[in-house]
Amino acid sequence: MLTARKLLIASGNAKKLKEMQDLLAGLPFEAVSLKAFPDVNEVPEDGKTFEENAAAKALGYARATGLLTLAEDSGLCCDALDHAPGIYSARFAGPGKNDHENNLKVLRLLEKIPDNCRGAYFKSAVALAEPGKLLGVVSGEVHGYIGREIRGTNGFGYDVLFYYPPFKKTFGEVPAEMKYKVSHRFKALEKAKELLRREYGR
């Protein structure tokens, strides 16, 4: 049985935070967000991989807050773009740009790419850390294709472009509950739950 304690979910993205809180529901941890620590400086994401960024954030925020911390880094990887936007997914269209502008850039770059070469996957890396100690980094992926137009109004990021064959729809066209069951973040967080049980379940 896990001992109830606080777990900092180190994300400044409100929609991602909500998704992670939903996916972690049921664990005996009191989830807190970075909003509870307005004076904590943002940890830079300057790693070369999702795993490096997630680990740096988990260690940095754990050290700054003194809490057990879960941090995540994720993005879209397109086969025809040599796995771009990758770790630059959130700022692919440039500083200050939004999800819609990022989506439009992907569509523009893939405009002449044939349907059979539009494979893509979402990847999520999740790191858990205590102050001064990295407990582990895990990851998950979900594979699909990039559509030729924006479809749907649900989700966030590139969900409206990401066509998932088993659903025959984009992630933006399905309810959050459907996406949760197959998403890259779900797969990574399931592994993170096992890390938590292994560390605190005795």
N, C-alpha and C. Protein backbone atom coordinates (compact mmCIF):
# COMPACT_ATOMS: atom_id res chain seq x y z
N MET A 1 0.85 -1.20 0.00
CA MET A 1 0.00 0.00 0.00
C MET A 1 0.88 1.24 0.00
N LEU A 2 0.66 2.13 -0.98
CA LEU A 2 1.43 3.35 -1.05
C LEU A 2 1.06 4.30 0.08
N THR A 3 2.03 5.02 0.56
CA THR A 3 1.78 6.02 1.59
C THR A 3 1.37 7.32 0.92
N ALA A 4 0.27 7.90 1.36
CA ALA A 4 -0.21 9.14 0.76
C ALA A 4 0.82 10.25 0.96
N ARG A 5 1.12 10.96 -0.10
CA ARG A 5 2.06 12.07 -0.03
C ARG A 5 1.84 12.97 -1.24
N LYS A 6 2.49 14.12 -1.25
CA LYS A 6 2.31 15.05 -2.36
C LYS A 6 3.17 14.63 -3.55
N LEU A 7 2.60 14.82 -4.74
CA LEU A 7 3.30 14.55 -5.99
C LEU A 7 3.17 15.79 -6.86
N LEU A 8 4.28 16.44 -7.14
CA LEU A 8 4.27 17.60 -8.02
C LEU A 8 4.24 17.13 -9.47
N ILE A 9 3.24 17.58 -10.20
CA ILE A 9 3.18 17.33 -11.64
C ILE A 9 3.71 18.58 -12.30
N ALA A 10 4.93 18.50 -12.79
CA ALA A 10 5.66 19.68 -13.24
C ALA A 10 5.35 20.03 -14.69
N SER A 11 4.17 20.58 -14.90
CA SER A 11 3.80 21.02 -16.25
C SER A 11 3.11 22.38 -16.16
N GLY A 12 3.51 23.26 -17.05
CA GLY A 12 2.87 24.56 -17.12
C GLY A 12 1.77 24.60 -18.16
N ASN A 13 1.57 23.48 -18.87
CA ASN A 13 0.54 23.38 -19.89
C ASN A 13 -0.74 22.89 -19.23
N ALA A 14 -1.75 23.76 -19.16
CA ALA A 14 -2.97 23.44 -18.42
C ALA A 14 -3.67 22.20 -18.97
N LYS A 15 -3.72 22.05 -20.28
CA LYS A 15 -4.41 20.90 -20.87
C LYS A 15 -3.63 19.61 -20.63
N LYS A 16 -2.32 19.69 -20.73
CA LYS A 16 -1.49 18.51 -20.46
C LYS A 16 -1.58 18.13 -18.98
N LEU A 17 -1.59 19.15 -18.11
CA LEU A 17 -1.71 18.91 -16.67
C LEU A 17 -3.01 18.19 -16.36
N LYS A 18 -4.11 18.64 -16.95
CA LYS A 18 -5.41 18.01 -16.73
C LYS A 18 -5.39 16.56 -17.18
N GLU A 19 -4.79 16.30 -18.34
CA GLU A 19 -4.73 14.94 -18.86
C GLU A 19 -3.92 14.04 -17.93
N MET A 20 -2.79 14.54 -17.45
CA MET A 20 -1.96 13.73 -16.56
C MET A 20 -2.64 13.49 -15.22
N GLN A 21 -3.33 14.50 -14.70
CA GLN A 21 -4.07 14.32 -13.46
C GLN A 21 -5.14 13.25 -13.62
N ASP A 22 -5.83 13.28 -14.75
CA ASP A 22 -6.86 12.27 -15.02
C ASP A 22 -6.25 10.87 -15.10
N LEU A 23 -5.11 10.76 -15.78
CA LEU A 23 -4.49 9.46 -15.98
C LEU A 23 -3.86 8.91 -14.71
N LEU A 24 -3.55 9.80 -13.77
CA LEU A 24 -2.95 9.36 -12.51
C LEU A 24 -3.98 9.22 -11.40
N ALA A 25 -5.24 9.47 -11.72
CA ALA A 25 -6.30 9.39 -10.71
C ALA A 25 -6.34 7.98 -10.11
N GLY A 26 -6.57 7.93 -8.81
CA GLY A 26 -6.66 6.64 -8.13
C GLY A 26 -5.43 6.30 -7.32
N LEU A 27 -4.32 6.96 -7.62
CA LEU A 27 -3.12 6.74 -6.82
C LEU A 27 -3.21 7.55 -5.53
N PRO A 28 -2.72 7.04 -4.43
CA PRO A 28 -2.82 7.75 -3.15
C PRO A 28 -1.77 8.85 -3.01
N PHE A 29 -1.74 9.75 -4.00
CA PHE A 29 -0.86 10.90 -3.94
C PHE A 29 -1.72 12.15 -4.12
N GLU A 30 -1.40 13.19 -3.38
CA GLU A 30 -2.07 14.47 -3.57
C GLU A 30 -1.32 15.22 -4.67
N ALA A 31 -1.94 15.33 -5.83
CA ALA A 31 -1.29 15.97 -6.96
C ALA A 31 -1.31 17.48 -6.80
N VAL A 32 -0.16 18.11 -6.95
CA VAL A 32 -0.07 19.56 -6.92
C VAL A 32 0.61 20.01 -8.20
N SER A 33 0.34 21.25 -8.61
CA SER A 33 0.91 21.77 -9.85
C SER A 33 1.92 22.87 -9.55
N LEU A 34 2.59 23.31 -10.59
CA LEU A 34 3.58 24.37 -10.44
C LEU A 34 2.96 25.69 -10.00
N LYS A 35 1.65 25.83 -10.19
CA LYS A 35 0.98 27.06 -9.75
C LYS A 35 1.11 27.27 -8.25
N ALA A 36 1.32 26.19 -7.52
CA ALA A 36 1.48 26.30 -6.07
C ALA A 36 2.86 26.85 -5.70
N PHE A 37 3.74 27.01 -6.70
CA PHE A 37 5.10 27.49 -6.45
C PHE A 37 5.44 28.62 -7.42
N PRO A 38 4.78 29.77 -7.28
CA PRO A 38 4.97 30.87 -8.24
C PRO A 38 6.39 31.44 -8.26
N ASP A 39 7.15 31.22 -7.20
CA ASP A 39 8.50 31.79 -7.14
C ASP A 39 9.57 30.87 -7.70
N VAL A 40 9.18 29.65 -8.08
CA VAL A 40 10.16 28.69 -8.62
C VAL A 40 10.46 29.04 -10.07
N ASN A 41 11.74 29.13 -10.40
CA ASN A 41 12.15 29.44 -11.76
C ASN A 41 11.89 28.27 -12.70
N GLU A 42 11.57 28.59 -13.94
CA GLU A 42 11.32 27.55 -14.93
C GLU A 42 12.61 26.80 -15.24
N VAL A 43 12.52 25.49 -15.30
CA VAL A 43 13.68 24.67 -15.64
C VAL A 43 13.80 24.62 -17.17
N PRO A 44 14.95 24.99 -17.72
CA PRO A 44 15.09 25.00 -19.18
C PRO A 44 15.02 23.60 -19.79
N GLU A 45 14.43 23.52 -20.97
CA GLU A 45 14.35 22.27 -21.71
C GLU A 45 15.40 22.32 -22.81
N ASP A 46 16.65 22.02 -22.47
CA ASP A 46 17.74 22.13 -23.43
C ASP A 46 18.39 20.79 -23.74
N GLY A 47 17.69 19.70 -23.43
CA GLY A 47 18.20 18.38 -23.76
C GLY A 47 18.04 18.07 -25.23
N LYS A 48 18.64 16.98 -25.66
CA LYS A 48 18.56 16.58 -27.07
C LYS A 48 17.51 15.50 -27.31
N THR A 49 16.91 15.00 -26.23
CA THR A 49 15.86 13.98 -26.35
C THR A 49 14.73 14.29 -25.38
N PHE A 50 13.59 13.66 -25.60
CA PHE A 50 12.47 13.80 -24.67
C PHE A 50 12.88 13.33 -23.28
N GLU A 51 13.64 12.23 -23.24
CA GLU A 51 14.05 11.67 -21.96
C GLU A 51 14.95 12.64 -21.18
N GLU A 52 15.89 13.27 -21.88
CA GLU A 52 16.78 14.23 -21.21
C GLU A 52 16.00 15.42 -20.66
N ASN A 53 15.06 15.92 -21.42
CA ASN A 53 14.26 17.05 -20.97
C ASN A 53 13.39 16.69 -19.77
N ALA A 54 12.76 15.52 -19.82
CA ALA A 54 11.91 15.10 -18.71
C ALA A 54 12.73 14.92 -17.44
N ALA A 55 13.91 14.31 -17.55
CA ALA A 55 14.76 14.09 -16.38
C ALA A 55 15.24 15.41 -15.79
N ALA A 56 15.65 16.34 -16.65
CA ALA A 56 16.13 17.64 -16.16
C ALA A 56 15.02 18.39 -15.42
N LYS A 57 13.80 18.33 -15.96
CA LYS A 57 12.69 19.02 -15.30
C LYS A 57 12.34 18.35 -13.97
N ALA A 58 12.30 17.04 -13.95
CA ALA A 58 11.95 16.34 -12.71
C ALA A 58 12.97 16.64 -11.61
N LEU A 59 14.25 16.56 -11.94
CA LEU A 59 15.29 16.83 -10.95
C LEU A 59 15.29 18.29 -10.52
N GLY A 60 15.12 19.19 -11.49
CA GLY A 60 15.15 20.61 -11.19
C GLY A 60 14.01 21.06 -10.29
N TYR A 61 12.80 20.60 -10.62
CA TYR A 61 11.65 21.02 -9.82
C TYR A 61 11.61 20.29 -8.47
N ALA A 62 12.10 19.06 -8.42
CA ALA A 62 12.17 18.35 -7.14
C ALA A 62 13.13 19.08 -6.20
N ARG A 63 14.25 19.51 -6.74
CA ARG A 63 15.23 20.23 -5.93
C ARG A 63 14.66 21.57 -5.46
N ALA A 64 13.92 22.26 -6.33
CA ALA A 64 13.41 23.59 -6.01
C ALA A 64 12.24 23.55 -5.02
N THR A 65 11.47 22.47 -5.04
CA THR A 65 10.26 22.42 -4.21
C THR A 65 10.37 21.47 -3.03
N GLY A 66 11.33 20.54 -3.09
CA GLY A 66 11.45 19.54 -2.04
C GLY A 66 10.44 18.42 -2.14
N LEU A 67 9.73 18.34 -3.27
CA LEU A 67 8.67 17.34 -3.44
C LEU A 67 9.07 16.24 -4.42
N LEU A 68 8.48 15.08 -4.23
CA LEU A 68 8.49 14.05 -5.25
C LEU A 68 7.88 14.66 -6.50
N THR A 69 8.58 14.55 -7.63
CA THR A 69 8.17 15.28 -8.84
C THR A 69 8.07 14.37 -10.04
N LEU A 70 7.00 14.55 -10.80
CA LEU A 70 6.81 13.88 -12.07
C LEU A 70 6.85 14.94 -13.16
N ALA A 71 7.73 14.75 -14.14
CA ALA A 71 7.83 15.68 -15.26
C ALA A 71 7.73 14.90 -16.56
N GLU A 72 7.20 15.56 -17.57
CA GLU A 72 6.97 14.88 -18.84
C GLU A 72 7.41 15.77 -19.99
N ASP A 73 7.95 15.16 -21.02
CA ASP A 73 8.23 15.87 -22.27
C ASP A 73 7.72 15.00 -23.40
N SER A 74 7.08 15.62 -24.35
CA SER A 74 6.46 14.83 -25.41
C SER A 74 6.37 15.64 -26.69
N GLY A 75 6.09 14.95 -27.77
CA GLY A 75 5.94 15.66 -29.04
C GLY A 75 5.59 14.72 -30.17
N LEU A 76 5.45 15.33 -31.33
CA LEU A 76 5.10 14.62 -32.56
C LEU A 76 6.35 14.39 -33.39
N CYS A 77 6.48 13.20 -33.93
CA CYS A 77 7.62 12.86 -34.79
C CYS A 77 7.10 12.36 -36.13
N CYS A 78 7.45 13.06 -37.20
CA CYS A 78 6.97 12.71 -38.54
C CYS A 78 8.07 12.03 -39.34
N ASP A 79 7.76 10.88 -39.89
CA ASP A 79 8.75 10.10 -40.64
C ASP A 79 9.37 10.92 -41.77
N ALA A 80 8.53 11.62 -42.53
CA ALA A 80 9.00 12.34 -43.72
C ALA A 80 9.79 13.60 -43.37
N LEU A 81 9.75 14.00 -42.11
CA LEU A 81 10.48 15.20 -41.68
C LEU A 81 11.67 14.84 -40.81
N ASP A 82 12.18 13.62 -40.96
CA ASP A 82 13.31 13.15 -40.16
C ASP A 82 13.00 13.29 -38.67
N HIS A 83 11.79 12.90 -38.32
CA HIS A 83 11.29 12.85 -36.95
C HIS A 83 11.01 14.23 -36.33
N ALA A 84 11.02 15.28 -37.14
CA ALA A 84 10.59 16.59 -36.66
C ALA A 84 9.06 16.60 -36.57
N PRO A 85 8.48 17.50 -35.78
CA PRO A 85 9.11 18.52 -34.95
C PRO A 85 9.80 18.00 -33.68
N GLY A 86 9.50 16.78 -33.24
CA GLY A 86 10.23 16.17 -32.13
C GLY A 86 10.22 17.01 -30.87
N ILE A 87 11.42 17.22 -30.29
CA ILE A 87 11.49 17.96 -29.02
C ILE A 87 11.13 19.43 -29.20
N TYR A 88 11.01 19.88 -30.43
CA TYR A 88 10.62 21.28 -30.68
C TYR A 88 9.14 21.42 -30.98
N SER A 89 8.36 20.40 -30.69
CA SER A 89 6.94 20.38 -31.06
C SER A 89 6.18 21.61 -30.58
N ALA A 90 6.41 22.02 -29.34
CA ALA A 90 5.62 23.12 -28.76
C ALA A 90 5.96 24.46 -29.40
N ARG A 91 7.14 24.59 -29.97
CA ARG A 91 7.57 25.87 -30.54
C ARG A 91 8.00 25.71 -32.00
N PHE A 92 7.39 24.78 -32.70
CA PHE A 92 7.80 24.44 -34.06
C PHE A 92 7.66 25.61 -35.02
N ALA A 93 6.61 26.39 -34.86
CA ALA A 93 6.38 27.52 -35.77
C ALA A 93 7.12 28.78 -35.32
N GLY A 94 7.83 28.69 -34.20
CA GLY A 94 8.60 29.83 -33.72
C GLY A 94 8.15 30.28 -32.35
N PRO A 95 8.97 31.09 -31.68
CA PRO A 95 8.62 31.58 -30.34
C PRO A 95 7.29 32.33 -30.34
N GLY A 96 6.49 32.05 -29.35
CA GLY A 96 5.22 32.77 -29.22
C GLY A 96 4.10 32.25 -30.10
N LYS A 97 4.39 31.25 -30.91
CA LYS A 97 3.35 30.70 -31.79
C LYS A 97 2.47 29.73 -31.01
N ASN A 98 1.29 29.43 -31.58
CA ASN A 98 0.34 28.58 -30.87
C ASN A 98 0.16 27.24 -31.59
N ASP A 99 -0.71 26.39 -31.01
CA ASP A 99 -0.96 25.07 -31.59
C ASP A 99 -1.39 25.15 -33.04
N HIS A 100 -2.29 26.08 -33.34
CA HIS A 100 -2.82 26.18 -34.71
C HIS A 100 -1.70 26.51 -35.69
N GLU A 101 -0.83 27.41 -35.34
CA GLU A 101 0.27 27.77 -36.23
C GLU A 101 1.26 26.62 -36.38
N ASN A 102 1.48 25.88 -35.32
CA ASN A 102 2.34 24.69 -35.42
C ASN A 102 1.73 23.67 -36.37
N ASN A 103 0.41 23.47 -36.28
CA ASN A 103 -0.27 22.51 -37.16
C ASN A 103 -0.18 22.95 -38.61
N LEU A 104 -0.36 24.22 -38.85
CA LEU A 104 -0.30 24.72 -40.23
C LEU A 104 1.09 24.53 -40.82
N LYS A 105 2.12 24.68 -40.01
CA LYS A 105 3.49 24.47 -40.52
C LYS A 105 3.70 23.01 -40.90
N VAL A 106 3.23 22.09 -40.07
CA VAL A 106 3.36 20.67 -40.40
C VAL A 106 2.62 20.36 -41.70
N LEU A 107 1.41 20.86 -41.84
CA LEU A 107 0.65 20.63 -43.07
C LEU A 107 1.38 21.19 -44.29
N ARG A 108 1.95 22.35 -44.13
CA ARG A 108 2.66 22.99 -45.25
C ARG A 108 3.88 22.17 -45.65
N LEU A 109 4.64 21.69 -44.67
CA LEU A 109 5.84 20.91 -44.97
C LEU A 109 5.53 19.55 -45.58
N LEU A 110 4.35 19.02 -45.24
CA LEU A 110 3.97 17.70 -45.76
C LEU A 110 3.02 17.78 -46.96
N GLU A 111 2.82 18.97 -47.45
CA GLU A 111 1.81 19.18 -48.51
C GLU A 111 1.99 18.25 -49.71
N LYS A 112 3.24 18.04 -50.13
CA LYS A 112 3.50 17.24 -51.33
C LYS A 112 3.91 15.80 -51.01
N ILE A 113 3.82 15.44 -49.74
CA ILE A 113 4.20 14.08 -49.33
C ILE A 113 3.03 13.14 -49.56
N PRO A 114 3.23 12.03 -50.29
CA PRO A 114 2.12 11.11 -50.57
C PRO A 114 1.59 10.43 -49.30
N ASP A 115 0.38 9.92 -49.40
CA ASP A 115 -0.29 9.34 -48.24
C ASP A 115 0.51 8.21 -47.59
N ASN A 116 1.20 7.41 -48.40
CA ASN A 116 1.92 6.26 -47.85
C ASN A 116 3.24 6.64 -47.18
N CYS A 117 3.57 7.92 -47.15
CA CYS A 117 4.80 8.39 -46.51
C CYS A 117 4.53 9.39 -45.39
N ARG A 118 3.28 9.39 -44.90
CA ARG A 118 2.89 10.38 -43.89
C ARG A 118 2.81 9.78 -42.48
N GLY A 119 3.53 8.67 -42.28
CA GLY A 119 3.56 8.05 -40.96
C GLY A 119 4.12 8.99 -39.90
N ALA A 120 3.61 8.86 -38.68
CA ALA A 120 4.06 9.71 -37.58
C ALA A 120 3.74 9.02 -36.27
N TYR A 121 4.38 9.48 -35.22
CA TYR A 121 4.06 8.95 -33.90
C TYR A 121 4.22 10.05 -32.85
N PHE A 122 3.42 9.93 -31.83
CA PHE A 122 3.59 10.76 -30.63
C PHE A 122 4.48 9.97 -29.67
N LYS A 123 5.39 10.68 -29.02
CA LYS A 123 6.21 10.05 -27.99
C LYS A 123 6.14 10.87 -26.71
N SER A 124 6.05 10.18 -25.58
CA SER A 124 6.04 10.82 -24.27
C SER A 124 7.11 10.18 -23.40
N ALA A 125 7.91 11.02 -22.76
CA ALA A 125 8.88 10.54 -21.77
C ALA A 125 8.49 11.12 -20.42
N VAL A 126 8.42 10.28 -19.42
CA VAL A 126 8.03 10.69 -18.06
C VAL A 126 9.16 10.35 -17.11
N ALA A 127 9.56 11.35 -16.31
CA ALA A 127 10.61 11.15 -15.33
C ALA A 127 10.07 11.39 -13.93
N LEU A 128 10.56 10.60 -12.99
CA LEU A 128 10.21 10.76 -11.58
C LEU A 128 11.49 11.04 -10.79
N ALA A 129 11.41 12.01 -9.89
CA ALA A 129 12.59 12.35 -9.10
C ALA A 129 12.21 12.82 -7.70
N GLU A 130 13.07 12.48 -6.77
CA GLU A 130 13.05 13.08 -5.45
C GLU A 130 14.16 14.14 -5.45
N PRO A 131 14.19 15.03 -4.47
CA PRO A 131 15.29 16.00 -4.43
C PRO A 131 16.64 15.30 -4.43
N GLY A 132 17.41 15.54 -5.49
CA GLY A 132 18.75 14.97 -5.59
C GLY A 132 18.82 13.55 -6.11
N LYS A 133 17.69 12.95 -6.48
CA LYS A 133 17.71 11.56 -6.92
C LYS A 133 16.70 11.32 -8.04
N LEU A 134 17.19 10.88 -9.20
CA LEU A 134 16.32 10.50 -10.30
C LEU A 134 15.88 9.06 -10.10
N LEU A 135 14.58 8.84 -9.98
CA LEU A 135 14.05 7.50 -9.73
C LEU A 135 13.94 6.68 -11.00
N GLY A 136 13.74 7.36 -12.12
CA GLY A 136 13.64 6.63 -13.38
C GLY A 136 13.00 7.47 -14.47
N VAL A 137 13.20 7.04 -15.70
CA VAL A 137 12.59 7.68 -16.87
C VAL A 137 11.97 6.58 -17.72
N VAL A 138 10.71 6.76 -18.11
CA VAL A 138 10.01 5.78 -18.93
C VAL A 138 9.38 6.50 -20.12
N SER A 139 8.98 5.74 -21.12
CA SER A 139 8.42 6.39 -22.31
C SER A 139 7.32 5.53 -22.92
N GLY A 140 6.53 6.17 -23.78
CA GLY A 140 5.46 5.49 -24.50
C GLY A 140 5.26 6.13 -25.86
N GLU A 141 4.78 5.36 -26.81
CA GLU A 141 4.55 5.86 -28.17
C GLU A 141 3.19 5.39 -28.67
N VAL A 142 2.62 6.18 -29.58
CA VAL A 142 1.42 5.75 -30.32
C VAL A 142 1.63 6.17 -31.77
N HIS A 143 1.36 5.23 -32.69
CA HIS A 143 1.68 5.45 -34.10
C HIS A 143 0.42 5.67 -34.94
N GLY A 144 0.57 6.52 -35.94
CA GLY A 144 -0.54 6.81 -36.85
C GLY A 144 -0.03 7.53 -38.08
N TYR A 145 -0.84 8.46 -38.59
CA TYR A 145 -0.51 9.19 -39.81
C TYR A 145 -0.90 10.66 -39.65
N ILE A 146 -0.30 11.51 -40.46
CA ILE A 146 -0.68 12.92 -40.47
C ILE A 146 -1.69 13.13 -41.59
N GLY A 147 -2.86 13.64 -41.24
CA GLY A 147 -3.90 13.91 -42.23
C GLY A 147 -3.54 15.09 -43.10
N ARG A 148 -4.43 15.39 -44.03
CA ARG A 148 -4.19 16.50 -44.96
C ARG A 148 -4.94 17.76 -44.57
N GLU A 149 -5.66 17.69 -43.47
CA GLU A 149 -6.40 18.87 -43.00
C GLU A 149 -6.64 18.73 -41.51
N ILE A 150 -6.91 19.84 -40.88
CA ILE A 150 -7.25 19.84 -39.46
C ILE A 150 -8.65 19.26 -39.30
N ARG A 151 -8.77 18.29 -38.40
CA ARG A 151 -10.08 17.65 -38.18
C ARG A 151 -10.31 17.46 -36.69
N GLY A 152 -11.44 18.02 -36.22
CA GLY A 152 -11.81 17.87 -34.82
C GLY A 152 -11.51 19.11 -34.01
N THR A 153 -12.09 19.16 -32.82
CA THR A 153 -11.90 20.30 -31.92
C THR A 153 -11.47 19.86 -30.53
N ASN A 154 -11.25 18.57 -30.33
CA ASN A 154 -10.86 18.07 -29.02
C ASN A 154 -9.34 17.99 -28.89
N GLY A 155 -8.89 17.72 -27.68
CA GLY A 155 -7.47 17.55 -27.45
C GLY A 155 -6.70 18.86 -27.54
N PHE A 156 -5.41 18.74 -27.85
CA PHE A 156 -4.56 19.91 -27.95
C PHE A 156 -3.33 19.54 -28.77
N GLY A 157 -2.48 20.51 -29.02
CA GLY A 157 -1.28 20.24 -29.80
C GLY A 157 -1.62 19.77 -31.21
N TYR A 158 -1.04 18.64 -31.59
CA TYR A 158 -1.21 18.12 -32.95
C TYR A 158 -2.32 17.07 -33.04
N ASP A 159 -3.15 16.95 -32.02
CA ASP A 159 -4.21 15.94 -32.02
C ASP A 159 -5.11 16.04 -33.25
N VAL A 160 -5.36 17.26 -33.71
CA VAL A 160 -6.29 17.46 -34.83
C VAL A 160 -5.70 17.03 -36.17
N LEU A 161 -4.41 16.75 -36.20
CA LEU A 161 -3.76 16.26 -37.43
C LEU A 161 -3.48 14.76 -37.37
N PHE A 162 -3.40 14.22 -36.15
CA PHE A 162 -2.92 12.86 -35.96
C PHE A 162 -4.05 11.85 -36.15
N TYR A 163 -4.00 11.16 -37.30
CA TYR A 163 -5.02 10.17 -37.65
C TYR A 163 -4.60 8.82 -37.06
N TYR A 164 -5.49 8.26 -36.24
CA TYR A 164 -5.20 6.99 -35.58
C TYR A 164 -6.03 5.89 -36.23
N PRO A 165 -5.41 4.99 -37.01
CA PRO A 165 -6.15 4.02 -37.82
C PRO A 165 -7.20 3.21 -37.06
N PRO A 166 -6.92 2.68 -35.84
CA PRO A 166 -7.97 1.91 -35.16
C PRO A 166 -9.25 2.70 -34.90
N PHE A 167 -9.13 4.01 -34.73
CA PHE A 167 -10.32 4.84 -34.52
C PHE A 167 -10.92 5.32 -35.84
N LYS A 168 -10.11 5.30 -36.90
CA LYS A 168 -10.48 5.88 -38.20
C LYS A 168 -10.85 7.35 -38.05
N LYS A 169 -10.19 7.99 -37.12
CA LYS A 169 -10.40 9.41 -36.84
C LYS A 169 -9.10 9.99 -36.29
N THR A 170 -9.04 11.32 -36.26
CA THR A 170 -7.92 11.95 -35.59
C THR A 170 -8.18 11.96 -34.09
N PHE A 171 -7.13 12.17 -33.31
CA PHE A 171 -7.31 12.31 -31.87
C PHE A 171 -8.18 13.52 -31.55
N GLY A 172 -8.22 14.48 -32.44
CA GLY A 172 -9.04 15.66 -32.23
C GLY A 172 -10.52 15.42 -32.44
N GLU A 173 -10.87 14.26 -33.01
CA GLU A 173 -12.27 13.96 -33.30
C GLU A 173 -12.90 13.02 -32.29
N VAL A 174 -12.12 12.55 -31.33
CA VAL A 174 -12.66 11.58 -30.37
C VAL A 174 -12.67 12.18 -28.96
N PRO A 175 -13.54 11.68 -28.09
CA PRO A 175 -13.55 12.15 -26.70
C PRO A 175 -12.23 11.85 -26.01
N ALA A 176 -11.92 12.65 -25.01
CA ALA A 176 -10.66 12.48 -24.27
C ALA A 176 -10.51 11.07 -23.73
N GLU A 177 -11.62 10.48 -23.28
CA GLU A 177 -11.57 9.15 -22.68
C GLU A 177 -11.08 8.10 -23.67
N MET A 178 -11.42 8.25 -24.94
CA MET A 178 -10.95 7.31 -25.96
C MET A 178 -9.45 7.49 -26.20
N LYS A 179 -9.02 8.73 -26.31
CA LYS A 179 -7.60 9.01 -26.51
C LYS A 179 -6.78 8.51 -25.34
N TYR A 180 -7.27 8.73 -24.11
CA TYR A 180 -6.53 8.35 -22.92
C TYR A 180 -6.14 6.88 -22.95
N LYS A 181 -7.00 6.03 -23.49
CA LYS A 181 -6.78 4.59 -23.42
C LYS A 181 -5.66 4.10 -24.32
N VAL A 182 -5.26 4.90 -25.28
CA VAL A 182 -4.25 4.45 -26.26
C VAL A 182 -3.08 5.41 -26.41
N SER A 183 -3.13 6.55 -25.75
CA SER A 183 -2.16 7.60 -26.03
C SER A 183 -0.75 7.28 -25.54
N HIS A 184 0.20 7.96 -26.11
CA HIS A 184 1.60 7.88 -25.70
C HIS A 184 1.76 8.25 -24.23
N ARG A 185 1.01 9.25 -23.80
CA ARG A 185 1.11 9.70 -22.41
C ARG A 185 0.54 8.66 -21.46
N PHE A 186 -0.54 8.02 -21.87
CA PHE A 186 -1.13 6.95 -21.07
C PHE A 186 -0.11 5.81 -20.89
N LYS A 187 0.54 5.42 -21.98
CA LYS A 187 1.49 4.32 -21.92
C LYS A 187 2.68 4.66 -21.02
N ALA A 188 3.17 5.89 -21.13
CA ALA A 188 4.30 6.30 -20.29
C ALA A 188 3.90 6.40 -18.83
N LEU A 189 2.71 6.94 -18.57
CA LEU A 189 2.27 7.10 -17.19
C LEU A 189 1.95 5.76 -16.52
N GLU A 190 1.50 4.79 -17.29
CA GLU A 190 1.29 3.46 -16.72
C GLU A 190 2.62 2.89 -16.21
N LYS A 191 3.69 3.12 -16.97
CA LYS A 191 5.01 2.67 -16.53
C LYS A 191 5.48 3.48 -15.31
N ALA A 192 5.13 4.78 -15.31
CA ALA A 192 5.50 5.63 -14.17
C ALA A 192 4.79 5.16 -12.90
N LYS A 193 3.56 4.71 -13.04
CA LYS A 193 2.83 4.19 -11.87
C LYS A 193 3.57 2.99 -11.28
N GLU A 194 4.12 2.15 -12.15
CA GLU A 194 4.87 1.00 -11.66
C GLU A 194 6.12 1.45 -10.92
N LEU A 195 6.76 2.51 -11.41
CA LEU A 195 7.91 3.06 -10.71
C LEU A 195 7.51 3.53 -9.31
N LEU A 196 6.37 4.22 -9.23
CA LEU A 196 5.89 4.71 -7.94
C LEU A 196 5.60 3.55 -6.99
N ARG A 197 4.98 2.52 -7.52
CA ARG A 197 4.66 1.36 -6.67
C ARG A 197 5.93 0.67 -6.20
N ARG A 198 6.90 0.59 -7.07
CA ARG A 198 8.15 -0.07 -6.70
C ARG A 198 8.91 0.72 -5.64
N GLU A 199 8.87 2.05 -5.74
CA GLU A 199 9.59 2.88 -4.79
C GLU A 199 8.87 3.06 -3.46
N TYR A 200 7.53 3.11 -3.52
CA TYR A 200 6.78 3.49 -2.32
C TYR A 200 5.75 2.44 -1.90
N GLY A 201 5.71 1.33 -2.62
CA GLY A 201 4.67 0.35 -2.32
C GLY A 201 5.02 -0.61 -1.21
N ARG A 202 6.24 -0.57 -0.70
CA ARG A 202 6.63 -1.51 0.35
C ARG A 202 6.34 -0.92 1.73
